[in-house]
C-alpha atoms as a PDB file:
ATOM      1  CA  UNK A   1      -8.793 -38.596  -8.160  1.00  0.00           C
ATOM      2  CA  UNK A   2     -12.458 -38.389  -7.425  1.00  0.00           C
ATOM      3  CA  UNK A   3     -14.125 -34.950  -7.270  1.00  0.00           C
ATOM      4  CA  UNK A   4     -15.022 -35.386  -3.609  1.00  0.00           C
ATOM      5  CA  UNK A   5     -11.429 -36.227  -2.667  1.00  0.00           C
ATOM      6  CA  UNK A   6     -10.134 -33.181  -4.589  1.00  0.00           C
ATOM      7  CA  UNK A   7     -12.585 -30.917  -2.764  1.00  0.00           C
ATOM      8  CA  UNK A   8     -11.452 -32.356   0.560  1.00  0.00           C
ATOM      9  CA  UNK A   9      -7.812 -31.583  -0.293  1.00  0.00           C
ATOM     10  CA  UNK A  10      -8.672 -28.005  -1.237  1.00  0.00           C
ATOM     11  CA  UNK A  11     -10.606 -27.490   1.974  1.00  0.00           C
ATOM     12  CA  UNK A  12      -7.795 -29.020   3.983  1.00  0.00           C
ATOM     13  CA  UNK A  13      -5.253 -26.694   2.351  1.00  0.00           C
ATOM     14  CA  UNK A  14      -7.440 -23.721   3.203  1.00  0.00           C
ATOM     15  CA  UNK A  15      -7.653 -24.852   6.825  1.00  0.00           C
ATOM     16  CA  UNK A  16      -3.873 -25.200   7.004  1.00  0.00           C
ATOM     17  CA  UNK A  17      -3.232 -21.693   5.676  1.00  0.00           C
ATOM     18  CA  UNK A  18      -1.897 -19.180   8.182  1.00  0.00           C
ATOM     19  CA  UNK A  19      -4.472 -16.646   9.420  1.00  0.00           C
ATOM     20  CA  UNK A  20      -4.141 -13.125   8.080  1.00  0.00           C
ATOM     21  CA  UNK A  21      -1.820 -11.111  10.293  1.00  0.00           C
ATOM     22  CA  UNK A  22      -3.367  -8.206  12.158  1.00  0.00           C
ATOM     23  CA  UNK A  23      -1.581  -4.838  11.813  1.00  0.00           C
ATOM     24  CA  UNK A  24       0.408  -3.630  14.851  1.00  0.00           C
ATOM     25  CA  UNK A  25      -1.745  -1.619  17.306  1.00  0.00           C
ATOM     26  CA  UNK A  26      -0.147   1.746  16.466  1.00  0.00           C
ATOM     27  CA  UNK A  27      -0.526   1.150  12.732  1.00  0.00           C
ATOM     28  CA  UNK A  28      -4.174   0.225  13.272  1.00  0.00           C
ATOM     29  CA  UNK A  29      -4.731   3.426  15.283  1.00  0.00           C
ATOM     30  CA  UNK A  30      -3.143   5.423  12.463  1.00  0.00           C
ATOM     31  CA  UNK A  31      -5.473   3.887   9.879  1.00  0.00           C
ATOM     32  CA  UNK A  32      -8.470   4.494  12.158  1.00  0.00           C
ATOM     33  CA  UNK A  33      -7.559   8.158  12.707  1.00  0.00           C
ATOM     34  CA  UNK A  34      -7.125   8.727   8.964  1.00  0.00           C
ATOM     35  CA  UNK A  35     -10.416   7.006   8.145  1.00  0.00           C
ATOM     36  CA  UNK A  36     -12.188   8.990  10.859  1.00  0.00           C
ATOM     37  CA  UNK A  37     -10.818  12.263   9.460  1.00  0.00           C
ATOM     38  CA  UNK A  38     -12.028  11.413   5.956  1.00  0.00           C
ATOM     39  CA  UNK A  39     -15.493  10.479   7.243  1.00  0.00           C
ATOM     40  CA  UNK A  40     -15.747  13.719   9.226  1.00  0.00           C
ATOM     41  CA  UNK A  41     -14.805  15.726   6.159  1.00  0.00           C
ATOM     42  CA  UNK A  42     -17.486  14.002   4.110  1.00  0.00           C
ATOM     43  CA  UNK A  43     -20.029  14.838   6.810  1.00  0.00           C
ATOM     44  CA  UNK A  44     -19.019  18.513   6.741  1.00  0.00           C
ATOM     45  CA  UNK A  45     -17.317  18.595  10.166  1.00  0.00           C
ATOM     46  CA  UNK A  46     -13.969  20.124   9.171  1.00  0.00           C
ATOM     47  CA  UNK A  47     -13.020  21.150  12.730  1.00  0.00           C
ATOM     48  CA  UNK A  48     -13.286  17.576  14.022  1.00  0.00           C
ATOM     49  CA  UNK A  49     -11.544  16.282  10.900  1.00  0.00           C
ATOM     50  CA  UNK A  50      -8.603  18.559  11.689  1.00  0.00           C
ATOM     51  CA  UNK A  51      -8.326  17.044  15.164  1.00  0.00           C
ATOM     52  CA  UNK A  52      -8.311  13.543  13.684  1.00  0.00           C
ATOM     53  CA  UNK A  53      -5.588  14.518  11.208  1.00  0.00           C
ATOM     54  CA  UNK A  54      -3.584  15.953  14.124  1.00  0.00           C
ATOM     55  CA  UNK A  55      -3.942  12.608  15.898  1.00  0.00           C
ATOM     56  CA  UNK A  56      -2.921  10.723  12.763  1.00  0.00           C
ATOM     57  CA  UNK A  57       0.117  12.974  12.378  1.00  0.00           C
ATOM     58  CA  UNK A  58       1.192  12.299  15.981  1.00  0.00           C
ATOM     59  CA  UNK A  59       0.866   8.544  15.508  1.00  0.00           C
ATOM     60  CA  UNK A  60       2.701   8.616  12.176  1.00  0.00           C
ATOM     61  CA  UNK A  61       5.516  10.595  13.811  1.00  0.00           C
ATOM     62  CA  UNK A  62       5.813   8.081  16.627  1.00  0.00           C
ATOM     63  CA  UNK A  63       6.031   5.303  14.028  1.00  0.00           C
ATOM     64  CA  UNK A  64       8.557   7.293  11.940  1.00  0.00           C
ATOM     65  CA  UNK A  65       6.395   6.540   8.911  1.00  0.00           C
ATOM     66  CA  UNK A  66       7.639   9.311   6.631  1.00  0.00           C
ATOM     67  CA  UNK A  67       4.998   8.893   3.944  1.00  0.00           C
ATOM     68  CA  UNK A  68       2.179   8.983   6.514  1.00  0.00           C
ATOM     69  CA  UNK A  69       3.786  11.959   8.267  1.00  0.00           C
ATOM     70  CA  UNK A  70       3.826  13.923   5.015  1.00  0.00           C
ATOM     71  CA  UNK A  71       0.348  12.832   3.894  1.00  0.00           C
ATOM     72  CA  UNK A  72      -1.296  13.785   7.181  1.00  0.00           C
ATOM     73  CA  UNK A  73       0.597  17.075   7.454  1.00  0.00           C
ATOM     74  CA  UNK A  74      -0.585  18.010   3.954  1.00  0.00           C
ATOM     75  CA  UNK A  75      -4.176  16.951   4.663  1.00  0.00           C
ATOM     76  CA  UNK A  76      -4.170  18.861   7.950  1.00  0.00           C
ATOM     77  CA  UNK A  77      -2.872  21.908   6.108  1.00  0.00           C
ATOM     78  CA  UNK A  78      -5.749  21.724   3.623  1.00  0.00           C
ATOM     79  CA  UNK A  79      -8.374  21.470   6.364  1.00  0.00           C
ATOM     80  CA  UNK A  80      -6.783  24.246   8.420  1.00  0.00           C
ATOM     81  CA  UNK A  81      -6.945  26.537   5.413  1.00  0.00           C
ATOM     82  CA  UNK A  82     -10.602  25.642   4.864  1.00  0.00           C
ATOM     83  CA  UNK A  83     -11.165  26.713   8.466  1.00  0.00           C
ATOM     84  CA  UNK A  84      -9.447  30.044   7.827  1.00  0.00           C
ATOM     85  CA  UNK A  85      -6.375  29.103   9.866  1.00  0.00           C
ATOM     86  CA  UNK A  86      -3.794  30.087   7.285  1.00  0.00           C
ATOM     87  CA  UNK A  87      -0.919  30.505   9.742  1.00  0.00           C
ATOM     88  CA  UNK A  88      -1.480  27.031  11.177  1.00  0.00           C
ATOM     89  CA  UNK A  89      -1.935  25.586   7.667  1.00  0.00           C
ATOM     90  CA  UNK A  90       1.429  26.990   6.601  1.00  0.00           C
ATOM     91  CA  UNK A  91       3.198  26.031   9.832  1.00  0.00           C
ATOM     92  CA  UNK A  92       2.303  22.346   9.689  1.00  0.00           C
ATOM     93  CA  UNK A  93       3.938  22.061   6.262  1.00  0.00           C
ATOM     94  CA  UNK A  94       7.291  22.806   7.884  1.00  0.00           C
ATOM     95  CA  UNK A  95       7.260  19.162   8.993  1.00  0.00           C
ATOM     96  CA  UNK A  96       7.923  18.290   5.335  1.00  0.00           C
ATOM     97  CA  UNK A  97       9.512  21.421   3.902  1.00  0.00           C
ATOM     98  CA  UNK A  98      12.046  22.201   6.634  1.00  0.00           C
ATOM     99  CA  UNK A  99      13.417  18.748   7.405  1.00  0.00           C
ATOM    100  CA  UNK A 100      15.855  17.636   4.659  1.00  0.00           C
ATOM    101  CA  UNK A 101      17.075  14.718   6.778  1.00  0.00           C
ATOM    102  CA  UNK A 102      13.866  12.736   6.621  1.00  0.00           C
ATOM    103  CA  UNK A 103      13.596  10.685   3.426  1.00  0.00           C
ATOM    104  CA  UNK A 104      10.207  11.996   2.340  1.00  0.00           C
ATOM    105  CA  UNK A 105       9.109  10.676  -1.071  1.00  0.00           C
ATOM    106  CA  UNK A 106       9.713  13.325  -3.766  1.00  0.00           C
ATOM    107  CA  UNK A 107       6.012  13.503  -4.601  1.00  0.00           C
ATOM    108  CA  UNK A 108       5.218  14.392  -0.974  1.00  0.00           C
ATOM    109  CA  UNK A 109       7.760  17.223  -1.017  1.00  0.00           C
ATOM    110  CA  UNK A 110       6.255  18.441  -4.287  1.00  0.00           C
ATOM    111  CA  UNK A 111       2.730  18.277  -2.825  1.00  0.00           C
ATOM    112  CA  UNK A 112       3.867  20.226   0.240  1.00  0.00           C
ATOM    113  CA  UNK A 113       5.490  22.890  -1.929  1.00  0.00           C
ATOM    114  CA  UNK A 114       2.328  23.360  -3.973  1.00  0.00           C
ATOM    115  CA  UNK A 115       0.233  23.491  -0.806  1.00  0.00           C
ATOM    116  CA  UNK A 116       2.583  26.126   0.633  1.00  0.00           C
ATOM    117  CA  UNK A 117       2.345  28.137  -2.592  1.00  0.00           C
ATOM    118  CA  UNK A 118      -1.450  28.127  -2.430  1.00  0.00           C
ATOM    119  CA  UNK A 119      -1.434  29.355   1.183  1.00  0.00           C
ATOM    120  CA  UNK A 120       1.237  31.973   0.441  1.00  0.00           C
ATOM    121  CA  UNK A 121      -0.855  33.273  -2.431  1.00  0.00           C
ATOM    122  CA  UNK A 122      -3.952  33.426  -0.225  1.00  0.00           C
ATOM    123  CA  UNK A 123      -2.046  35.462   2.371  1.00  0.00           C
ATOM    124  CA  UNK A 124      -0.493  37.826  -0.167  1.00  0.00           C
ATOM    125  CA  UNK A 125       3.067  36.467  -0.141  1.00  0.00           C
ATOM    126  CA  UNK A 126       3.443  36.316  -3.910  1.00  0.00           C
ATOM    127  CA  UNK A 127       7.245  36.002  -3.813  1.00  0.00           C
ATOM    128  CA  UNK A 128       7.154  32.887  -1.633  1.00  0.00           C
ATOM    129  CA  UNK A 129       4.316  31.410  -3.702  1.00  0.00           C
ATOM    130  CA  UNK A 130       6.414  31.896  -6.835  1.00  0.00           C
ATOM    131  CA  UNK A 131       9.480  30.283  -5.236  1.00  0.00           C
ATOM    132  CA  UNK A 132       7.512  27.295  -3.912  1.00  0.00           C
ATOM    133  CA  UNK A 133       5.866  26.715  -7.287  1.00  0.00           C
ATOM    134  CA  UNK A 134       9.194  26.977  -9.100  1.00  0.00           C
ATOM    135  CA  UNK A 135      10.659  24.329  -6.796  1.00  0.00           C
ATOM    136  CA  UNK A 136       7.672  22.039  -7.399  1.00  0.00           C
ATOM    137  CA  UNK A 137       7.972  22.565 -11.160  1.00  0.00           C
ATOM    138  CA  UNK A 138      11.654  21.635 -11.022  1.00  0.00           C
ATOM    139  CA  UNK A 139      10.819  18.392  -9.226  1.00  0.00           C
ATOM    140  CA  UNK A 140       8.117  17.618 -11.772  1.00  0.00           C
ATOM    141  CA  UNK A 141      10.055  18.488 -14.950  1.00  0.00           C
ATOM    142  CA  UNK A 142       6.820  18.431 -17.028  1.00  0.00           C
ATOM    143  CA  UNK A 143       6.454  14.668 -16.685  1.00  0.00           C
ATOM    144  CA  UNK A 144       4.856  13.982 -13.298  1.00  0.00           C
ATOM    145  CA  UNK A 145       1.209  13.736 -12.288  1.00  0.00           C
ATOM    146  CA  UNK A 146       1.085  17.333 -11.048  1.00  0.00           C
ATOM    147  CA  UNK A 147       1.637  19.310 -14.246  1.00  0.00           C
ATOM    148  CA  UNK A 148      -1.956  20.585 -14.282  1.00  0.00           C
ATOM    149  CA  UNK A 149      -1.779  21.625 -10.620  1.00  0.00           C
ATOM    150  CA  UNK A 150       1.514  23.446 -11.142  1.00  0.00           C
ATOM    151  CA  UNK A 151       0.171  25.274 -14.193  1.00  0.00           C
ATOM    152  CA  UNK A 152      -2.970  26.228 -12.279  1.00  0.00           C
ATOM    153  CA  UNK A 153      -0.960  27.680  -9.406  1.00  0.00           C
ATOM    154  CA  UNK A 154       1.245  29.552 -11.877  1.00  0.00           C
ATOM    155  CA  UNK A 155      -1.929  30.927 -13.463  1.00  0.00           C
ATOM    156  CA  UNK A 156      -3.186  32.078 -10.060  1.00  0.00           C
ATOM    157  CA  UNK A 157       0.126  33.809  -9.368  1.00  0.00           C
ATOM    158  CA  UNK A 158      -0.075  35.609 -12.721  1.00  0.00           C
ATOM    159  CA  UNK A 159      -3.666  36.585 -11.990  1.00  0.00           C
ATOM    160  CA  UNK A 160      -2.688  37.999  -8.591  1.00  0.00           C
ATOM    161  CA  UNK A 161      -0.116  40.174 -10.379  1.00  0.00           C
ATOM    162  CA  UNK A 162      -2.680  41.486 -12.844  1.00  0.00           C
ATOM    163  CA  UNK A 163      -1.241  39.637 -15.853  1.00  0.00           C
ATOM    164  CA  UNK A 164      -4.381  38.343 -17.577  1.00  0.00           C
ATOM    165  CA  UNK A 165      -2.549  37.064 -20.664  1.00  0.00           C
ATOM    166  CA  UNK A 166      -0.051  34.959 -18.685  1.00  0.00           C
ATOM    167  CA  UNK A 167      -2.832  33.691 -16.416  1.00  0.00           C
ATOM    168  CA  UNK A 168      -4.895  32.583 -19.409  1.00  0.00           C
ATOM    169  CA  UNK A 169      -1.887  30.909 -21.041  1.00  0.00           C
ATOM    170  CA  UNK A 170      -1.024  28.912 -17.920  1.00  0.00           C
ATOM    171  CA  UNK A 171      -4.669  28.051 -17.256  1.00  0.00           C
ATOM    172  CA  UNK A 172      -5.093  26.787 -20.828  1.00  0.00           C
ATOM    173  CA  UNK A 173      -1.991  24.602 -20.373  1.00  0.00           C
ATOM    174  CA  UNK A 174      -3.457  23.318 -17.114  1.00  0.00           C
ATOM    175  CA  UNK A 175      -6.776  22.578 -18.785  1.00  0.00           C
ATOM    176  CA  UNK A 176      -5.147  20.582 -21.574  1.00  0.00           C
ATOM    177  CA  UNK A 177      -3.047  18.592 -19.106  1.00  0.00           C
ATOM    178  CA  UNK A 178      -6.021  17.950 -16.825  1.00  0.00           C
ATOM    179  CA  UNK A 179      -8.228  16.776 -19.661  1.00  0.00           C
ATOM    180  CA  UNK A 180      -5.456  14.490 -20.884  1.00  0.00           C
ATOM    181  CA  UNK A 181      -5.417  12.830 -17.473  1.00  0.00           C
ATOM    182  CA  UNK A 182      -9.210  13.032 -16.979  1.00  0.00           C
ATOM    183  CA  UNK A 183      -8.635  15.155 -13.880  1.00  0.00           C
ATOM    184  CA  UNK A 184     -11.934  17.001 -13.526  1.00  0.00           C
ATOM    185  CA  UNK A 185     -10.932  18.862 -10.359  1.00  0.00           C
ATOM    186  CA  UNK A 186      -7.936  20.539 -11.986  1.00  0.00           C
ATOM    187  CA  UNK A 187      -9.907  21.084 -15.199  1.00  0.00           C
ATOM    188  CA  UNK A 188     -12.497  22.987 -13.165  1.00  0.00           C
ATOM    189  CA  UNK A 189      -9.755  25.037 -11.508  1.00  0.00           C
ATOM    190  CA  UNK A 190      -8.329  25.916 -14.922  1.00  0.00           C
ATOM    191  CA  UNK A 191     -11.741  26.894 -16.316  1.00  0.00           C
ATOM    192  CA  UNK A 192     -12.406  29.107 -13.297  1.00  0.00           C
ATOM    193  CA  UNK A 193      -9.073  30.845 -13.817  1.00  0.00           C
ATOM    194  CA  UNK A 194      -9.807  31.322 -17.525  1.00  0.00           C
ATOM    195  CA  UNK A 195     -13.045  33.001 -16.475  1.00  0.00           C
ATOM    196  CA  UNK A 196     -11.237  35.236 -14.004  1.00  0.00           C
ATOM    197  CA  UNK A 197      -8.614  36.133 -16.592  1.00  0.00           C
ATOM    198  CA  UNK A 198     -11.347  37.097 -19.047  1.00  0.00           C
ATOM    199  CA  UNK A 199     -12.948  39.305 -16.405  1.00  0.00           C
ATOM    200  CA  UNK A 200      -9.580  40.910 -15.666  1.00  0.00           C
ATOM    201  CA  UNK A 201      -9.187  41.968 -19.293  1.00  0.00           C
ATOM    202  CA  UNK A 202     -12.742  43.351 -19.336  1.00  0.00           C
ATOM    203  CA  UNK A 203     -14.420  40.508 -21.244  1.00  0.00           C
ATOM    204  CA  UNK A 204     -17.120  39.553 -18.729  1.00  0.00           C
ATOM    205  CA  UNK A 205     -19.391  37.959 -21.333  1.00  0.00           C
ATOM    206  CA  UNK A 206     -16.532  35.721 -22.498  1.00  0.00           C
ATOM    207  CA  UNK A 207     -15.875  34.689 -18.890  1.00  0.00           C
ATOM    208  CA  UNK A 208     -19.301  33.192 -18.290  1.00  0.00           C
ATOM    209  CA  UNK A 209     -18.997  30.034 -20.466  1.00  0.00           C
ATOM    210  CA  UNK A 210     -15.732  29.109 -18.723  1.00  0.00           C
ATOM    211  CA  UNK A 211     -17.309  29.609 -15.316  1.00  0.00           C
ATOM    212  CA  UNK A 212     -20.442  27.630 -16.223  1.00  0.00           C
ATOM    213  CA  UNK A 213     -18.247  24.710 -17.304  1.00  0.00           C
ATOM    214  CA  UNK A 214     -16.304  24.937 -14.042  1.00  0.00           C
ATOM    215  CA  UNK A 215     -19.569  24.926 -12.078  1.00  0.00           C
ATOM    216  CA  UNK A 216     -20.810  21.855 -13.951  1.00  0.00           C
ATOM    217  CA  UNK A 217     -17.633  19.943 -13.119  1.00  0.00           C
ATOM    218  CA  UNK A 218     -17.581  21.029  -9.485  1.00  0.00           C
ATOM    219  CA  UNK A 219     -21.210  20.047  -9.020  1.00  0.00           C
ATOM    220  CA  UNK A 220     -20.421  16.611 -10.440  1.00  0.00           C
ATOM    221  CA  UNK A 221     -17.518  16.399  -7.977  1.00  0.00           C
ATOM    222  CA  UNK A 222     -19.786  17.649  -5.151  1.00  0.00           C
ATOM    223  CA  UNK A 223     -17.171  20.166  -4.019  1.00  0.00           C
ATOM    224  CA  UNK A 224     -19.102  22.914  -2.200  1.00  0.00           C
ATOM    225  CA  UNK A 225     -16.141  25.253  -1.747  1.00  0.00           C
ATOM    226  CA  UNK A 226     -15.419  25.258  -5.447  1.00  0.00           C
ATOM    227  CA  UNK A 227     -19.139  25.553  -6.216  1.00  0.00           C
ATOM    228  CA  UNK A 228     -19.208  28.646  -4.022  1.00  0.00           C
ATOM    229  CA  UNK A 229     -16.234  30.119  -5.902  1.00  0.00           C
ATOM    230  CA  UNK A 230     -17.870  29.396  -9.281  1.00  0.00           C
ATOM    231  CA  UNK A 231     -21.193  30.968  -8.299  1.00  0.00           C
ATOM    232  CA  UNK A 232     -19.458  34.026  -6.871  1.00  0.00           C
ATOM    233  CA  UNK A 233     -17.436  34.503 -10.054  1.00  0.00           C
ATOM    234  CA  UNK A 234     -20.546  34.016 -12.183  1.00  0.00           C
ATOM    235  CA  UNK A 235     -22.376  36.651 -10.174  1.00  0.00           C
ATOM    236  CA  UNK A 236     -19.555  39.150 -10.727  1.00  0.00           C
ATOM    237  CA  UNK A 237     -19.302  38.305 -14.428  1.00  0.00           C
ATOM    238  CA  UNK A 238     -23.055  38.662 -14.975  1.00  0.00           C
ATOM    239  CA  UNK A 239     -23.077  42.024 -13.181  1.00  0.00           C
ATOM    240  CA  UNK A 240     -20.144  43.267 -15.267  1.00  0.00           C
ATOM    241  CA  UNK A 241     -21.927  42.099 -18.417  1.00  0.00           C
ATOM    242  CA  UNK A 242     -24.992  44.129 -17.436  1.00  0.00           C
ATOM    243  CA  UNK A 243     -27.305  41.214 -16.519  1.00  0.00           C
ATOM    244  CA  UNK A 244     -28.486  42.251 -13.046  1.00  0.00           C
ATOM    245  CA  UNK A 245     -31.096  39.479 -12.795  1.00  0.00           C
ATOM    246  CA  UNK A 246     -28.602  36.709 -13.485  1.00  0.00           C
ATOM    247  CA  UNK A 247     -26.090  38.320 -11.128  1.00  0.00           C
ATOM    248  CA  UNK A 248     -28.668  38.358  -8.335  1.00  0.00           C
ATOM    249  CA  UNK A 249     -29.615  34.725  -8.967  1.00  0.00           C
ATOM    250  CA  UNK A 250     -26.015  33.536  -8.809  1.00  0.00           C
ATOM    251  CA  UNK A 251     -25.404  35.617  -5.683  1.00  0.00           C
ATOM    252  CA  UNK A 252     -28.429  34.068  -3.954  1.00  0.00           C
ATOM    253  CA  UNK A 253     -27.244  30.572  -4.784  1.00  0.00           C
ATOM    254  CA  UNK A 254     -23.734  31.431  -3.565  1.00  0.00           C
ATOM    255  CA  UNK A 255     -25.192  32.726  -0.291  1.00  0.00           C
ATOM    256  CA  UNK A 256     -27.128  29.473   0.178  1.00  0.00           C
ATOM    257  CA  UNK A 257     -23.957  27.398  -0.291  1.00  0.00           C
ATOM    258  CA  UNK A 258     -22.039  29.673   2.084  1.00  0.00           C
ATOM    259  CA  UNK A 259     -24.697  29.279   4.792  1.00  0.00           C
ATOM    260  CA  UNK A 260     -24.735  25.513   4.309  1.00  0.00           C
ATOM    261  CA  UNK A 261     -20.949  25.333   4.700  1.00  0.00           C
ATOM    262  CA  UNK A 262     -21.093  27.483   7.843  1.00  0.00           C
ATOM    263  CA  UNK A 263     -23.769  25.180   9.266  1.00  0.00           C
ATOM    264  CA  UNK A 264     -21.550  22.147   8.715  1.00  0.00           C
ATOM    265  CA  UNK A 265     -23.964  20.458   6.354  1.00  0.00           C
ATOM    266  CA  UNK A 266     -22.680  17.512   4.376  1.00  0.00           C
ATOM    267  CA  UNK A 267     -21.636  17.641   0.740  1.00  0.00           C
ATOM    268  CA  UNK A 268     -24.680  15.579  -0.189  1.00  0.00           C
ATOM    269  CA  UNK A 269     -27.040  17.991   1.577  1.00  0.00           C
ATOM    270  CA  UNK A 270     -25.465  21.026  -0.052  1.00  0.00           C
ATOM    271  CA  UNK A 271     -25.547  19.450  -3.491  1.00  0.00           C
ATOM    272  CA  UNK A 272     -29.191  18.466  -3.032  1.00  0.00           C
ATOM    273  CA  UNK A 273     -30.002  22.075  -2.244  1.00  0.00           C
ATOM    274  CA  UNK A 274     -28.345  23.190  -5.472  1.00  0.00           C
ATOM    275  CA  UNK A 275     -30.275  20.870  -7.741  1.00  0.00           C
ATOM    276  CA  UNK A 276     -32.464  22.494 -10.359  1.00  0.00           C
ATOM    277  CA  UNK A 277     -35.243  20.821 -12.330  1.00  0.00           C
END
C-alpha cells in the first residue's frame, strides 16, 4: 500500500472514532467546585475555599459518590481548622466516622480518624485523640501509606502528655518512614516534633538543628503554616539556649509570616518575603 493511501486510512479511522464523552452535569460541577477550592487555597483565600468544599460536599452527597464525600469532608475539615473553626472541623468528619453503612474506602476512614485525632489534640481531648489514632493504626497495620502520619500523631500525643522520650521515639520512627517514602511534609513534621521533644527535656541547643531542618523542608514545600510553627519553635529554642538576638530574629520572621497569613496573601508571596540572600 502506498504511503499516501495508508495516511488516508489512518485519518479516516480517526474521523470515525466516537467523540470523547462529556461528564454528566453534576459530576462536572463537582470537579469544578473541587478545582475552585484548590485554587482558592493556593491564592490564600481559605474562607472562600471552605465554601467551595462545602459545595463540593453537597454535590458529592447528591451523587452518592462515597469517595468524593469523604475526600471533600476531610478537606473541608482541614480548612475549617486552619480558620480556627475546630468545632466545625470535627463535626464535618462525622459524615465519614459516624456512618458505618456507607461503603467508604478504608483509606478514607483512616484519613478521617487521623484528622479527628489532630483536632482532638488541638482542643485538649487527649483521650479521644489516642482512641482515633489507635483505630487508624489498626487499619494501617504498619504497611499502609500512612505509617509516618500515624507515628507523628502518636508523637504529638506523647508530647502533649509531657513524655519527651516517647515523643522522640515516635517522631524518629515517623522520620525514618517518611524518608523511606520521600515524604518531605511528614519528615518536616517529625523533625519539628524532635525539636519540641528536645526542648521539653531541657536540651534547647540540641533542638535547633532539628527545627532548622524542618524549616528548610517546609520552605521548599511553601507551607506557610508550618513555616510559622518552625520559626516560632526556633525562637523559643534560641531564647532557652541564651541567644536573645537569634530568638528576636526568628520571632520577627514568624510575625511577618503570621501577618501575611492574616492578610490572605498567597503562598508564593509569603515565601518570597521569607527569602534571604
